Amino acid sequence: MIKEGSLYPVYVSFFPPWLHPWTATPAMQRLKEIGMNCGLEYTRYPIYRHLTKPYSRYEHSVGTALIVWHFTQDQAQTIAALLHDLSTPVFAHVIDFLNEDHLTQESTEGPTRLLIEQSPELRQLLKESGLSVGQVCDYHQYPIADNDSPQLSADRLEYTLGNALAFQAYPLDRLRAIYADLIVAHDEHGQPELVFRSFDRAREFARLALINSWIYVADEDRYAMQRLADLIRSALRRRVLTLEDLMTSEPQVIAKLKQEAPSAQAWDAYCQLHQLRRAAAPGAEEGWLQVKAKRRWIDPLVLNQGRLSMLDPFYEAEIERFLNQDQTIWLNEILNK
């Protein structure tokens, strides 16, 4: 069954039946309650308050798997793509801020193999499929599933199209046309990559990707993620939360935070975040933060022509502006009066 309201019908004409048991495992089902927006959807910042639809790590993971299946018809690569976010904790990359790894955002990927090995359902499916844990525990080994930025992979493609739908209500027929323009070809290093046949489609996609890139490093995102990381760190110190809780679900963790007065107050204040003030230096008041974040961007390849940044001077300039964003500015929330 193709899920209504998702991008699944864009990625495949029908859902491969063999994939259903994998998506139904408890390890995968947990991701339905882990959001793609790293806790920002709980705030009142305008762009998140007006999200057109929820977007979970589960939906993203299944979508990434369907893209890989469409382009490779390879079961091992598809399952590796499906499981690539298996170890994502609550609020996702906020925990990288907690771990002080937010500039690389790799600290939460390590347990993937262990979680697969600890899942009897996944182990049984691997046995039935004749696959090993090593074939599916690291999607980085498959260039179509994942590759180095700014190249285009199934992972980056899925969250770019998914966020275009969630944040911009971008028309499905336009997203379908972008997807249909892609093929697998070799990049400048001889590695397989998702490549656009049309310059115009590449440019349309790149505009969506750049909007997404700016959202991920917006002042509001950086500030709120650090605030939520600090909130969780404080709750861990007071034993309101445990590290094990971070691998449950967001509703469960929020419920625990609400059971203790200081945490409940801090969570409520976090949910009320709605507008920032900015300064070259911190003011005398508490709460000023200077937060840096990982820059994610995509420079799509156009078949037999090269990277878009080489073909479009405007896009090259926009990428340069993005990469030179000032992240040294000090941020603080404007309190409700």
C-alpha atoms as a PDB file:
ATOM      1  CA  MET A   1       0.000   0.000   0.000  1.00  0.00           C
ATOM      2  CA  ILE A   2       1.240   3.491  -0.918  1.00  0.00           C
ATOM      3  CA  LYS A   3       0.822   5.918   1.966  1.00  0.00           C
ATOM      4  CA  GLU A   4      -1.485   8.816   1.116  1.00  0.00           C
ATOM      5  CA  GLY A   5      -0.158  12.310   1.682  1.00  0.00           C
ATOM      6  CA  SER A   6       3.453  11.160   1.404  1.00  0.00           C
ATOM      7  CA  LEU A   7       5.964  11.237  -1.406  1.00  0.00           C
ATOM      8  CA  TYR A   8       5.985   7.455  -1.707  1.00  0.00           C
ATOM      9  CA  PRO A   9       3.879   7.531  -4.924  1.00  0.00           C
ATOM     10  CA  VAL A  10       6.506   9.858  -6.414  1.00  0.00           C
ATOM     11  CA  TYR A  11       9.328   7.437  -5.635  1.00  0.00           C
ATOM     12  CA  VAL A  12       7.740   4.162  -6.756  1.00  0.00           C
ATOM     13  CA  SER A  13       4.600   3.119  -8.628  1.00  0.00           C
ATOM     14  CA  PHE A  14       3.869   0.483  -5.987  1.00  0.00           C
ATOM     15  CA  PHE A  15       5.282  -0.373  -2.587  1.00  0.00           C
ATOM     16  CA  PRO A  16       7.480  -3.499  -2.838  1.00  0.00           C
ATOM     17  CA  PRO A  17       5.702  -6.175  -0.758  1.00  0.00           C
ATOM     18  CA  TRP A  18       8.962  -7.682   0.488  1.00  0.00           C
ATOM     19  CA  LEU A  19       9.782  -4.389   2.260  1.00  0.00           C
ATOM     20  CA  HIS A  20       6.676  -4.370   4.484  1.00  0.00           C
ATOM     21  CA  PRO A  21       8.010  -6.747   7.193  1.00  0.00           C
ATOM     22  CA  TRP A  22      11.115  -4.585   7.569  1.00  0.00           C
ATOM     23  CA  THR A  23       9.126  -1.391   8.048  1.00  0.00           C
ATOM     24  CA  ALA A  24       6.844  -3.128  10.583  1.00  0.00           C
ATOM     25  CA  THR A  25       9.655  -4.035  13.010  1.00  0.00           C
ATOM     26  CA  PRO A  26       9.565  -2.295  16.421  1.00  0.00           C
ATOM     27  CA  ALA A  27      12.961  -0.741  15.706  1.00  0.00           C
ATOM     28  CA  MET A  28      11.541   0.998  12.637  1.00  0.00           C
ATOM     29  CA  GLN A  29       8.153   1.813  14.154  1.00  0.00           C
ATOM     30  CA  ARG A  30       9.873   3.827  16.919  1.00  0.00           C
ATOM     31  CA  LEU A  31      10.964   6.321  14.270  1.00  0.00           C
ATOM     32  CA  LYS A  32       7.337   7.325  13.674  1.00  0.00           C
ATOM     33  CA  GLU A  33       7.634   9.382  16.869  1.00  0.00           C
ATOM     34  CA  ILE A  34      10.980  10.968  16.034  1.00  0.00           C
ATOM     35  CA  GLY A  35      10.540  14.139  14.013  1.00  0.00           C
ATOM     36  CA  MET A  36      12.686  15.276  11.108  1.00  0.00           C
ATOM     37  CA  ASN A  37      12.813  18.825  12.448  1.00  0.00           C
ATOM     38  CA  CYS A  38      14.872  18.194  15.584  1.00  0.00           C
ATOM     39  CA  GLY A  39      12.301  19.505  18.037  1.00  0.00           C
ATOM     40  CA  LEU A  40      11.745  22.806  16.221  1.00  0.00           C
ATOM     41  CA  GLU A  41       8.183  21.760  15.391  1.00  0.00           C
ATOM     42  CA  TYR A  42       7.318  22.180  19.098  1.00  0.00           C
ATOM     43  CA  THR A  43       8.256  25.884  19.036  1.00  0.00           C
ATOM     44  CA  ARG A  44       6.203  28.836  17.824  1.00  0.00           C
ATOM     45  CA  TYR A  45       8.663  30.058  15.209  1.00  0.00           C
ATOM     46  CA  PRO A  46       6.520  31.009  12.198  1.00  0.00           C
ATOM     47  CA  ILE A  47       8.036  28.626   9.658  1.00  0.00           C
ATOM     48  CA  TYR A  48       7.431  25.658  11.977  1.00  0.00           C
ATOM     49  CA  ARG A  49       4.047  26.838  13.182  1.00  0.00           C
ATOM     50  CA  HIS A  50       2.837  26.699   9.587  1.00  0.00           C
ATOM     51  CA  LEU A  51       4.206  23.290   8.603  1.00  0.00           C
ATOM     52  CA  THR A  52       1.797  21.741   6.119  1.00  0.00           C
ATOM     53  CA  LYS A  53       2.235  18.178   7.413  1.00  0.00           C
ATOM     54  CA  PRO A  54       4.141  16.146  10.028  1.00  0.00           C
ATOM     55  CA  TYR A  55       7.395  14.635   8.787  1.00  0.00           C
ATOM     56  CA  SER A  56       8.950  11.783  10.765  1.00  0.00           C
ATOM     57  CA  ARG A  57      12.240   9.922  10.606  1.00  0.00           C
ATOM     58  CA  TYR A  58      10.201   6.846   9.714  1.00  0.00           C
ATOM     59  CA  GLU A  59       8.680   8.527   6.670  1.00  0.00           C
ATOM     60  CA  HIS A  60      12.098   9.819   5.626  1.00  0.00           C
ATOM     61  CA  SER A  61      13.750   6.413   6.088  1.00  0.00           C
ATOM     62  CA  VAL A  62      11.100   4.550   4.105  1.00  0.00           C
ATOM     63  CA  GLY A  63      11.244   7.204   1.397  1.00  0.00           C
ATOM     64  CA  THR A  64      15.033   6.901   1.163  1.00  0.00           C
ATOM     65  CA  ALA A  65      14.726   3.123   0.867  1.00  0.00           C
ATOM     66  CA  LEU A  66      12.134   3.440  -1.916  1.00  0.00           C
ATOM     67  CA  ILE A  67      14.406   5.797  -3.851  1.00  0.00           C
ATOM     68  CA  VAL A  68      17.324   3.376  -3.551  1.00  0.00           C
ATOM     69  CA  TRP A  69      15.125   0.461  -4.614  1.00  0.00           C
ATOM     70  CA  HIS A  70      13.845   2.430  -7.616  1.00  0.00           C
ATOM     71  CA  PHE A  71      17.347   3.201  -8.866  1.00  0.00           C
ATOM     72  CA  THR A  72      19.210   0.017  -7.904  1.00  0.00           C
ATOM     73  CA  GLN A  73      16.726  -2.853  -7.425  1.00  0.00           C
ATOM     74  CA  ASP A  74      19.269  -4.053  -4.868  1.00  0.00           C
ATOM     75  CA  GLN A  75      17.892  -5.446  -1.610  1.00  0.00           C
ATOM     76  CA  ALA A  76      20.996  -4.928   0.531  1.00  0.00           C
ATOM     77  CA  GLN A  77      21.341  -1.273  -0.497  1.00  0.00           C
ATOM     78  CA  THR A  78      17.622  -0.712   0.034  1.00  0.00           C
ATOM     79  CA  ILE A  79      17.652  -2.165   3.560  1.00  0.00           C
ATOM     80  CA  ALA A  80      20.789  -0.206   4.454  1.00  0.00           C
ATOM     81  CA  ALA A  81      18.952   2.949   3.364  1.00  0.00           C
ATOM     82  CA  LEU A  82      15.862   1.956   5.346  1.00  0.00           C
ATOM     83  CA  LEU A  83      17.881   1.426   8.531  1.00  0.00           C
ATOM     84  CA  HIS A  84      20.195   4.420   8.192  1.00  0.00           C
ATOM     85  CA  ASP A  85      18.365   6.451  10.888  1.00  0.00           C
ATOM     86  CA  LEU A  86      17.709   3.508  13.194  1.00  0.00           C
ATOM     87  CA  SER A  87      19.894   4.975  15.958  1.00  0.00           C
ATOM     88  CA  THR A  88      18.366   8.455  15.777  1.00  0.00           C
ATOM     89  CA  PRO A  89      17.529   9.607  19.328  1.00  0.00           C
ATOM     90  CA  VAL A  90      14.653  11.864  20.350  1.00  0.00           C
ATOM     91  CA  PHE A  91      14.893  15.319  18.781  1.00  0.00           C
ATOM     92  CA  ALA A  92      17.499  13.873  16.392  1.00  0.00           C
ATOM     93  CA  HIS A  93      20.465  16.228  15.869  1.00  0.00           C
ATOM     94  CA  VAL A  94      19.729  18.092  19.101  1.00  0.00           C
ATOM     95  CA  ILE A  95      21.558  15.203  20.755  1.00  0.00           C
ATOM     96  CA  ASP A  96      24.593  16.013  18.589  1.00  0.00           C
ATOM     97  CA  PHE A  97      24.467  19.461  20.221  1.00  0.00           C
ATOM     98  CA  LEU A  98      24.234  17.705  23.580  1.00  0.00           C
ATOM     99  CA  ASN A  99      27.290  15.612  22.633  1.00  0.00           C
ATOM    100  CA  GLU A 100      29.071  18.746  21.304  1.00  0.00           C
ATOM    101  CA  ASP A 101      29.309  17.082  17.887  1.00  0.00           C
ATOM    102  CA  HIS A 102      26.901  19.399  16.080  1.00  0.00           C
ATOM    103  CA  LEU A 103      29.423  20.530  13.447  1.00  0.00           C
ATOM    104  CA  THR A 104      29.819  16.996  12.102  1.00  0.00           C
ATOM    105  CA  GLN A 105      26.583  15.414  13.397  1.00  0.00           C
ATOM    106  CA  GLU A 106      27.960  11.880  13.505  1.00  0.00           C
ATOM    107  CA  SER A 107      27.821  11.078  17.226  1.00  0.00           C
ATOM    108  CA  THR A 108      24.392   9.455  17.051  1.00  0.00           C
ATOM    109  CA  GLU A 109      25.152   7.150  14.092  1.00  0.00           C
ATOM    110  CA  GLY A 110      27.434   4.734  15.930  1.00  0.00           C
ATOM    111  CA  PRO A 111      24.858   2.418  17.547  1.00  0.00           C
ATOM    112  CA  THR A 112      23.170   1.399  14.261  1.00  0.00           C
ATOM    113  CA  ARG A 113      24.923  -1.968  14.021  1.00  0.00           C
ATOM    114  CA  LEU A 114      24.262  -2.744  17.695  1.00  0.00           C
ATOM    115  CA  LEU A 115      20.556  -1.899  17.359  1.00  0.00           C
ATOM    116  CA  ILE A 116      20.247  -4.222  14.381  1.00  0.00           C
ATOM    117  CA  GLU A 117      21.978  -7.004  16.289  1.00  0.00           C
ATOM    118  CA  GLN A 118      19.724  -6.425  19.296  1.00  0.00           C
ATOM    119  CA  SER A 119      16.528  -6.648  17.229  1.00  0.00           C
ATOM    120  CA  PRO A 120      15.267 -10.248  16.953  1.00  0.00           C
ATOM    121  CA  GLU A 121      12.870  -9.180  14.206  1.00  0.00           C
ATOM    122  CA  LEU A 122      15.611  -7.649  12.083  1.00  0.00           C
ATOM    123  CA  ARG A 123      17.949 -10.592  12.679  1.00  0.00           C
ATOM    124  CA  GLN A 124      15.240 -12.991  11.520  1.00  0.00           C
ATOM    125  CA  LEU A 125      14.554 -10.942   8.397  1.00  0.00           C
ATOM    126  CA  LEU A 126      18.266 -10.828   7.622  1.00  0.00           C
ATOM    127  CA  LYS A 127      18.465 -14.600   7.964  1.00  0.00           C
ATOM    128  CA  GLU A 128      15.461 -15.123   5.694  1.00  0.00           C
ATOM    129  CA  SER A 129      16.897 -12.743   3.105  1.00  0.00           C
ATOM    130  CA  GLY A 130      20.412 -14.179   3.181  1.00  0.00           C
ATOM    131  CA  LEU A 131      21.865 -10.820   4.162  1.00  0.00           C
ATOM    132  CA  SER A 132      24.501 -10.067   6.801  1.00  0.00           C
ATOM    133  CA  VAL A 133      24.506  -7.277   9.357  1.00  0.00           C
ATOM    134  CA  GLY A 134      27.581  -5.864   7.645  1.00  0.00           C
ATOM    135  CA  GLN A 135      25.675  -5.430   4.388  1.00  0.00           C
ATOM    136  CA  VAL A 136      22.971  -3.247   5.928  1.00  0.00           C
ATOM    137  CA  CYS A 137      24.418  -1.468   8.979  1.00  0.00           C
ATOM    138  CA  ASP A 138      26.236   1.314   7.132  1.00  0.00           C
ATOM    139  CA  TYR A 139      24.587   2.986   4.167  1.00  0.00           C
ATOM    140  CA  HIS A 140      27.712   5.069   3.588  1.00  0.00           C
ATOM    141  CA  GLN A 141      29.134   2.105   1.672  1.00  0.00           C
ATOM    142  CA  TYR A 142      26.540   2.606  -1.086  1.00  0.00           C
ATOM    143  CA  PRO A 143      27.014   5.862  -3.075  1.00  0.00           C
ATOM    144  CA  ILE A 144      23.418   5.998  -4.319  1.00  0.00           C
ATOM    145  CA  ALA A 145      22.165   5.830  -0.731  1.00  0.00           C
ATOM    146  CA  ASP A 146      24.756   8.236   0.671  1.00  0.00           C
ATOM    147  CA  ASN A 147      27.832  10.086  -0.508  1.00  0.00           C
ATOM    148  CA  ASP A 148      29.874  13.110   0.424  1.00  0.00           C
ATOM    149  CA  SER A 149      28.263  16.549   0.307  1.00  0.00           C
ATOM    150  CA  PRO A 150      27.632  18.407  -1.961  1.00  0.00           C
ATOM    151  CA  GLN A 151      26.871  15.394  -4.151  1.00  0.00           C
ATOM    152  CA  LEU A 152      23.309  14.141  -4.481  1.00  0.00           C
ATOM    153  CA  SER A 153      22.302  10.898  -2.762  1.00  0.00           C
ATOM    154  CA  ALA A 154      18.963   9.245  -2.000  1.00  0.00           C
ATOM    155  CA  ASP A 155      19.153  10.521   1.583  1.00  0.00           C
ATOM    156  CA  ARG A 156      19.644  14.170   0.537  1.00  0.00           C
ATOM    157  CA  LEU A 157      17.126  13.855  -2.266  1.00  0.00           C
ATOM    158  CA  GLU A 158      14.429  12.523   0.059  1.00  0.00           C
ATOM    159  CA  TYR A 159      14.725  15.147   2.776  1.00  0.00           C
ATOM    160  CA  THR A 160      14.948  17.934   0.194  1.00  0.00           C
ATOM    161  CA  LEU A 161      11.739  16.833  -1.527  1.00  0.00           C
ATOM    162  CA  GLY A 162      10.126  15.966   1.822  1.00  0.00           C
ATOM    163  CA  ASN A 163      10.849  19.400   3.248  1.00  0.00           C
ATOM    164  CA  ALA A 164       9.701  21.081   0.027  1.00  0.00           C
ATOM    165  CA  LEU A 165       6.353  19.396   0.611  1.00  0.00           C
ATOM    166  CA  ALA A 166       6.231  20.017   4.377  1.00  0.00           C
ATOM    167  CA  PHE A 167       7.452  23.623   4.465  1.00  0.00           C
ATOM    168  CA  GLN A 168       6.379  24.981   1.091  1.00  0.00           C
ATOM    169  CA  ALA A 169       3.498  22.726   0.021  1.00  0.00           C
ATOM    170  CA  TYR A 170       5.413  22.407  -3.243  1.00  0.00           C
ATOM    171  CA  PRO A 171       3.143  20.873  -5.905  1.00  0.00           C
ATOM    172  CA  LEU A 172       3.393  17.108  -6.178  1.00  0.00           C
ATOM    173  CA  ASP A 173       3.426  17.201  -9.961  1.00  0.00           C
ATOM    174  CA  ARG A 174       6.512  19.444  -9.876  1.00  0.00           C
ATOM    175  CA  LEU A 175       8.244  17.166  -7.387  1.00  0.00           C
ATOM    176  CA  ARG A 176       7.342  14.196  -9.575  1.00  0.00           C
ATOM    177  CA  ALA A 177       8.858  15.920 -12.624  1.00  0.00           C
ATOM    178  CA  ILE A 178      12.085  16.637 -10.723  1.00  0.00           C
ATOM    179  CA  TYR A 179      12.327  13.008  -9.613  1.00  0.00           C
ATOM    180  CA  ALA A 180      11.555  11.657 -13.082  1.00  0.00           C
ATOM    181  CA  ASP A 181      14.464  13.630 -14.537  1.00  0.00           C
ATOM    182  CA  LEU A 182      17.032  11.738 -12.437  1.00  0.00           C
ATOM    183  CA  ILE A 183      19.138   8.816 -13.606  1.00  0.00           C
ATOM    184  CA  VAL A 184      22.182   7.002 -12.243  1.00  0.00           C
ATOM    185  CA  ALA A 185      25.390   8.071 -13.960  1.00  0.00           C
ATOM    186  CA  HIS A 186      29.036   8.389 -13.019  1.00  0.00           C
ATOM    187  CA  ASP A 187      30.361  11.506 -11.354  1.00  0.00           C
ATOM    188  CA  GLU A 188      33.695  13.199 -12.039  1.00  0.00           C
ATOM    189  CA  HIS A 189      35.398  10.579  -9.839  1.00  0.00           C
ATOM    190  CA  GLY A 190      33.846   7.591 -11.573  1.00  0.00           C
ATOM    191  CA  GLN A 191      31.388   6.860  -8.754  1.00  0.00           C
ATOM    192  CA  PRO A 192      27.646   6.323  -9.328  1.00  0.00           C
ATOM    193  CA  GLU A 193      25.498   9.315  -8.441  1.00  0.00           C
ATOM    194  CA  LEU A 194      21.947  10.525  -8.968  1.00  0.00           C
ATOM    195  CA  VAL A 195      22.289  12.896 -11.931  1.00  0.00           C
ATOM    196  CA  PHE A 196      19.848  15.249 -13.669  1.00  0.00           C
ATOM    197  CA  ARG A 197      19.336  14.950 -17.393  1.00  0.00           C
ATOM    198  CA  SER A 198      17.961  18.476 -17.630  1.00  0.00           C
ATOM    199  CA  PHE A 199      19.634  21.713 -16.590  1.00  0.00           C
ATOM    200  CA  ASP A 200      16.239  23.271 -15.828  1.00  0.00           C
ATOM    201  CA  ARG A 201      15.197  20.444 -13.490  1.00  0.00           C
ATOM    202  CA  ALA A 202      18.574  20.554 -11.758  1.00  0.00           C
ATOM    203  CA  ARG A 203      18.169  24.286 -11.215  1.00  0.00           C
ATOM    204  CA  GLU A 204      14.621  23.873  -9.893  1.00  0.00           C
ATOM    205  CA  PHE A 205      15.770  21.188  -7.465  1.00  0.00           C
ATOM    206  CA  ALA A 206      18.797  23.247  -6.415  1.00  0.00           C
ATOM    207  CA  ARG A 207      16.545  26.150  -5.464  1.00  0.00           C
ATOM    208  CA  LEU A 208      14.523  23.850  -3.194  1.00  0.00           C
ATOM    209  CA  ALA A 209      17.716  22.391  -1.737  1.00  0.00           C
ATOM    210  CA  LEU A 210      19.139  25.828  -0.986  1.00  0.00           C
ATOM    211  CA  ILE A 211      15.955  26.924   0.781  1.00  0.00           C
ATOM    212  CA  ASN A 212      16.251  23.757   2.858  1.00  0.00           C
ATOM    213  CA  SER A 213      19.924  24.456   3.584  1.00  0.00           C
ATOM    214  CA  TRP A 214      19.087  27.920   4.901  1.00  0.00           C
ATOM    215  CA  ILE A 215      16.326  26.524   7.115  1.00  0.00           C
ATOM    216  CA  TYR A 216      18.791  24.082   8.702  1.00  0.00           C
ATOM    217  CA  VAL A 217      21.239  26.854   9.662  1.00  0.00           C
ATOM    218  CA  ALA A 218      18.741  29.637  10.366  1.00  0.00           C
ATOM    219  CA  ASP A 219      19.340  31.613  13.551  1.00  0.00           C
ATOM    220  CA  GLU A 220      16.109  30.194  14.981  1.00  0.00           C
ATOM    221  CA  ASP A 221      17.200  26.603  14.302  1.00  0.00           C
ATOM    222  CA  ARG A 222      20.655  26.998  15.789  1.00  0.00           C
ATOM    223  CA  TYR A 223      19.386  28.818  18.866  1.00  0.00           C
ATOM    224  CA  ALA A 224      16.478  26.458  19.554  1.00  0.00           C
ATOM    225  CA  MET A 225      18.550  23.302  19.106  1.00  0.00           C
ATOM    226  CA  GLN A 226      21.126  24.562  21.593  1.00  0.00           C
ATOM    227  CA  ARG A 227      18.371  25.570  24.011  1.00  0.00           C
ATOM    228  CA  LEU A 228      16.779  22.120  23.789  1.00  0.00           C
ATOM    229  CA  ALA A 229      20.160  20.409  24.198  1.00  0.00           C
ATOM    230  CA  ASP A 230      20.808  22.466  27.343  1.00  0.00           C
ATOM    231  CA  LEU A 231      17.341  21.584  28.644  1.00  0.00           C
ATOM    232  CA  ILE A 232      17.992  17.870  28.135  1.00  0.00           C
ATOM    233  CA  ARG A 233      21.457  18.124  29.698  1.00  0.00           C
ATOM    234  CA  SER A 234      19.927  19.698  32.796  1.00  0.00           C
ATOM    235  CA  ALA A 235      17.226  17.012  32.981  1.00  0.00           C
ATOM    236  CA  LEU A 236      19.883  14.299  32.701  1.00  0.00           C
ATOM    237  CA  ARG A 237      21.895  15.825  35.521  1.00  0.00           C
ATOM    238  CA  ARG A 238      18.839  15.883  37.783  1.00  0.00           C
ATOM    239  CA  ARG A 239      17.968  12.319  36.702  1.00  0.00           C
ATOM    240  CA  VAL A 240      14.625  13.376  35.317  1.00  0.00           C
ATOM    241  CA  LEU A 241      15.826  11.645  32.151  1.00  0.00           C
ATOM    242  CA  THR A 242      18.300   8.859  31.530  1.00  0.00           C
ATOM    243  CA  LEU A 243      20.407   8.260  28.455  1.00  0.00           C
ATOM    244  CA  GLU A 244      18.189   5.247  27.742  1.00  0.00           C
ATOM    245  CA  ASP A 245      15.166   7.570  27.572  1.00  0.00           C
ATOM    246  CA  LEU A 246      16.750   9.344  24.613  1.00  0.00           C
ATOM    247  CA  MET A 247      16.313   6.175  22.563  1.00  0.00           C
ATOM    248  CA  THR A 248      12.574   5.919  23.213  1.00  0.00           C
ATOM    249  CA  SER A 249      10.177   8.417  21.619  1.00  0.00           C
ATOM    250  CA  GLU A 250       9.543  12.129  21.793  1.00  0.00           C
ATOM    251  CA  PRO A 251       6.088  11.805  23.430  1.00  0.00           C
ATOM    252  CA  GLN A 252       7.613   9.618  26.158  1.00  0.00           C
ATOM    253  CA  VAL A 253      10.449  12.051  26.861  1.00  0.00           C
ATOM    254  CA  ILE A 254       8.149  15.075  26.846  1.00  0.00           C
ATOM    255  CA  ALA A 255       5.847  13.297  29.302  1.00  0.00           C
ATOM    256  CA  LYS A 256       8.794  12.700  31.641  1.00  0.00           C
ATOM    257  CA  LEU A 257       9.888  16.323  31.399  1.00  0.00           C
ATOM    258  CA  LYS A 258       6.394  17.461  32.349  1.00  0.00           C
ATOM    259  CA  GLN A 259       6.423  15.326  35.520  1.00  0.00           C
ATOM    260  CA  GLU A 260       9.095  17.473  37.229  1.00  0.00           C
ATOM    261  CA  ALA A 261       8.439  21.161  37.893  1.00  0.00           C
ATOM    262  CA  PRO A 262      11.755  22.721  36.721  1.00  0.00           C
ATOM    263  CA  SER A 263      11.809  20.575  33.580  1.00  0.00           C
ATOM    264  CA  ALA A 264       8.153  21.266  32.868  1.00  0.00           C
ATOM    265  CA  GLN A 265       8.789  25.000  33.187  1.00  0.00           C
ATOM    266  CA  ALA A 266      11.838  24.784  30.919  1.00  0.00           C
ATOM    267  CA  TRP A 267       9.929  22.744  28.333  1.00  0.00           C
ATOM    268  CA  ASP A 268       7.051  25.227  28.350  1.00  0.00           C
ATOM    269  CA  ALA A 269       9.497  28.105  27.861  1.00  0.00           C
ATOM    270  CA  TYR A 270      11.078  26.217  24.965  1.00  0.00           C
ATOM    271  CA  CYS A 271       7.689  25.675  23.318  1.00  0.00           C
ATOM    272  CA  GLN A 272       7.004  29.423  23.607  1.00  0.00           C
ATOM    273  CA  LEU A 273      10.073  30.381  21.539  1.00  0.00           C
ATOM    274  CA  HIS A 274       8.765  32.637  18.782  1.00  0.00           C
ATOM    275  CA  GLN A 275      11.120  35.510  17.930  1.00  0.00           C
ATOM    276  CA  LEU A 276      14.855  36.193  18.240  1.00  0.00           C
ATOM    277  CA  ARG A 277      16.921  39.278  18.815  1.00  0.00           C
ATOM    278  CA  ARG A 278      20.439  39.477  17.456  1.00  0.00           C
ATOM    279  CA  ALA A 279      23.556  41.351  18.541  1.00  0.00           C
ATOM    280  CA  ALA A 280      27.247  41.550  17.703  1.00  0.00           C
ATOM    281  CA  ALA A 281      28.022  41.011  21.403  1.00  0.00           C
ATOM    282  CA  PRO A 282      25.997  39.452  24.220  1.00  0.00           C
ATOM    283  CA  GLY A 283      23.891  41.731  26.351  1.00  0.00           C
ATOM    284  CA  ALA A 284      23.774  41.805  30.128  1.00  0.00           C
ATOM    285  CA  GLU A 285      20.691  39.589  30.306  1.00  0.00           C
ATOM    286  CA  GLU A 286      20.862  35.816  30.645  1.00  0.00           C
ATOM    287  CA  GLY A 287      20.212  33.550  27.707  1.00  0.00           C
ATOM    288  CA  TRP A 288      22.545  34.920  25.036  1.00  0.00           C
ATOM    289  CA  LEU A 289      23.978  32.157  22.850  1.00  0.00           C
ATOM    290  CA  GLN A 290      26.481  32.036  20.025  1.00  0.00           C
ATOM    291  CA  VAL A 291      25.772  28.844  18.102  1.00  0.00           C
ATOM    292  CA  LYS A 292      27.476  27.330  15.082  1.00  0.00           C
ATOM    293  CA  ALA A 293      25.936  24.550  13.017  1.00  0.00           C
ATOM    294  CA  LYS A 294      26.792  22.162  10.219  1.00  0.00           C
ATOM    295  CA  ARG A 295      26.193  23.540   6.740  1.00  0.00           C
ATOM    296  CA  ARG A 296      24.396  21.096   4.442  1.00  0.00           C
ATOM    297  CA  TRP A 297      24.228  21.847   0.727  1.00  0.00           C
ATOM    298  CA  ILE A 298      23.842  20.136  -2.617  1.00  0.00           C
ATOM    299  CA  ASP A 299      25.491  20.920  -5.950  1.00  0.00           C
ATOM    300  CA  PRO A 300      23.671  18.613  -8.383  1.00  0.00           C
ATOM    301  CA  LEU A 301      25.363  17.118 -11.413  1.00  0.00           C
ATOM    302  CA  VAL A 302      23.839  17.657 -14.872  1.00  0.00           C
ATOM    303  CA  LEU A 303      24.471  14.836 -17.324  1.00  0.00           C
ATOM    304  CA  ASN A 304      27.429  15.527 -19.637  1.00  0.00           C
ATOM    305  CA  GLN A 305      27.566  19.169 -18.474  1.00  0.00           C
ATOM    306  CA  GLY A 306      28.985  19.288 -14.945  1.00  0.00           C
ATOM    307  CA  ARG A 307      27.968  20.610 -11.538  1.00  0.00           C
ATOM    308  CA  LEU A 308      25.242  23.223 -11.488  1.00  0.00           C
ATOM    309  CA  SER A 309      27.514  25.736  -9.747  1.00  0.00           C
ATOM    310  CA  MET A 310      29.793  25.559 -12.804  1.00  0.00           C
ATOM    311  CA  LEU A 311      26.884  26.129 -15.189  1.00  0.00           C
ATOM    312  CA  ASP A 312      24.870  28.775 -13.340  1.00  0.00           C
ATOM    313  CA  PRO A 313      26.754  31.823 -11.995  1.00  0.00           C
ATOM    314  CA  PHE A 314      23.736  32.869  -9.923  1.00  0.00           C
ATOM    315  CA  TYR A 315      23.616  29.506  -8.122  1.00  0.00           C
ATOM    316  CA  GLU A 316      27.383  29.647  -7.603  1.00  0.00           C
ATOM    317  CA  ALA A 317      27.001  33.045  -5.951  1.00  0.00           C
ATOM    318  CA  GLU A 318      24.102  31.847  -3.794  1.00  0.00           C
ATOM    319  CA  ILE A 319      26.117  28.853  -2.588  1.00  0.00           C
ATOM    320  CA  GLU A 320      29.021  31.152  -1.772  1.00  0.00           C
ATOM    321  CA  ARG A 321      26.695  33.393   0.231  1.00  0.00           C
ATOM    322  CA  PHE A 322      25.341  30.376   2.102  1.00  0.00           C
ATOM    323  CA  LEU A 323      28.789  29.005   2.935  1.00  0.00           C
ATOM    324  CA  ASN A 324      29.863  32.424   4.224  1.00  0.00           C
ATOM    325  CA  GLN A 325      26.894  32.849   6.550  1.00  0.00           C
ATOM    326  CA  ASP A 326      27.909  34.635   9.751  1.00  0.00           C
ATOM    327  CA  GLN A 327      27.408  32.218  12.644  1.00  0.00           C
ATOM    328  CA  THR A 328      29.249  34.386  15.174  1.00  0.00           C
ATOM    329  CA  ILE A 329      26.221  36.574  15.868  1.00  0.00           C
ATOM    330  CA  TRP A 330      24.780  36.406  19.397  1.00  0.00           C
ATOM    331  CA  LEU A 331      21.170  35.292  19.786  1.00  0.00           C
ATOM    332  CA  ASN A 332      18.546  35.588  22.484  1.00  0.00           C
ATOM    333  CA  GLU A 333      14.802  35.074  22.642  1.00  0.00           C
ATOM    334  CA  ILE A 334      12.405  37.982  22.790  1.00  0.00           C
ATOM    335  CA  LEU A 335      10.273  37.226  25.834  1.00  0.00           C
ATOM    336  CA  ASN A 336       6.513  37.510  25.826  1.00  0.00           C
ATOM    337  CA  LYS A 337       5.273  40.674  27.515  1.00  0.00           C
END
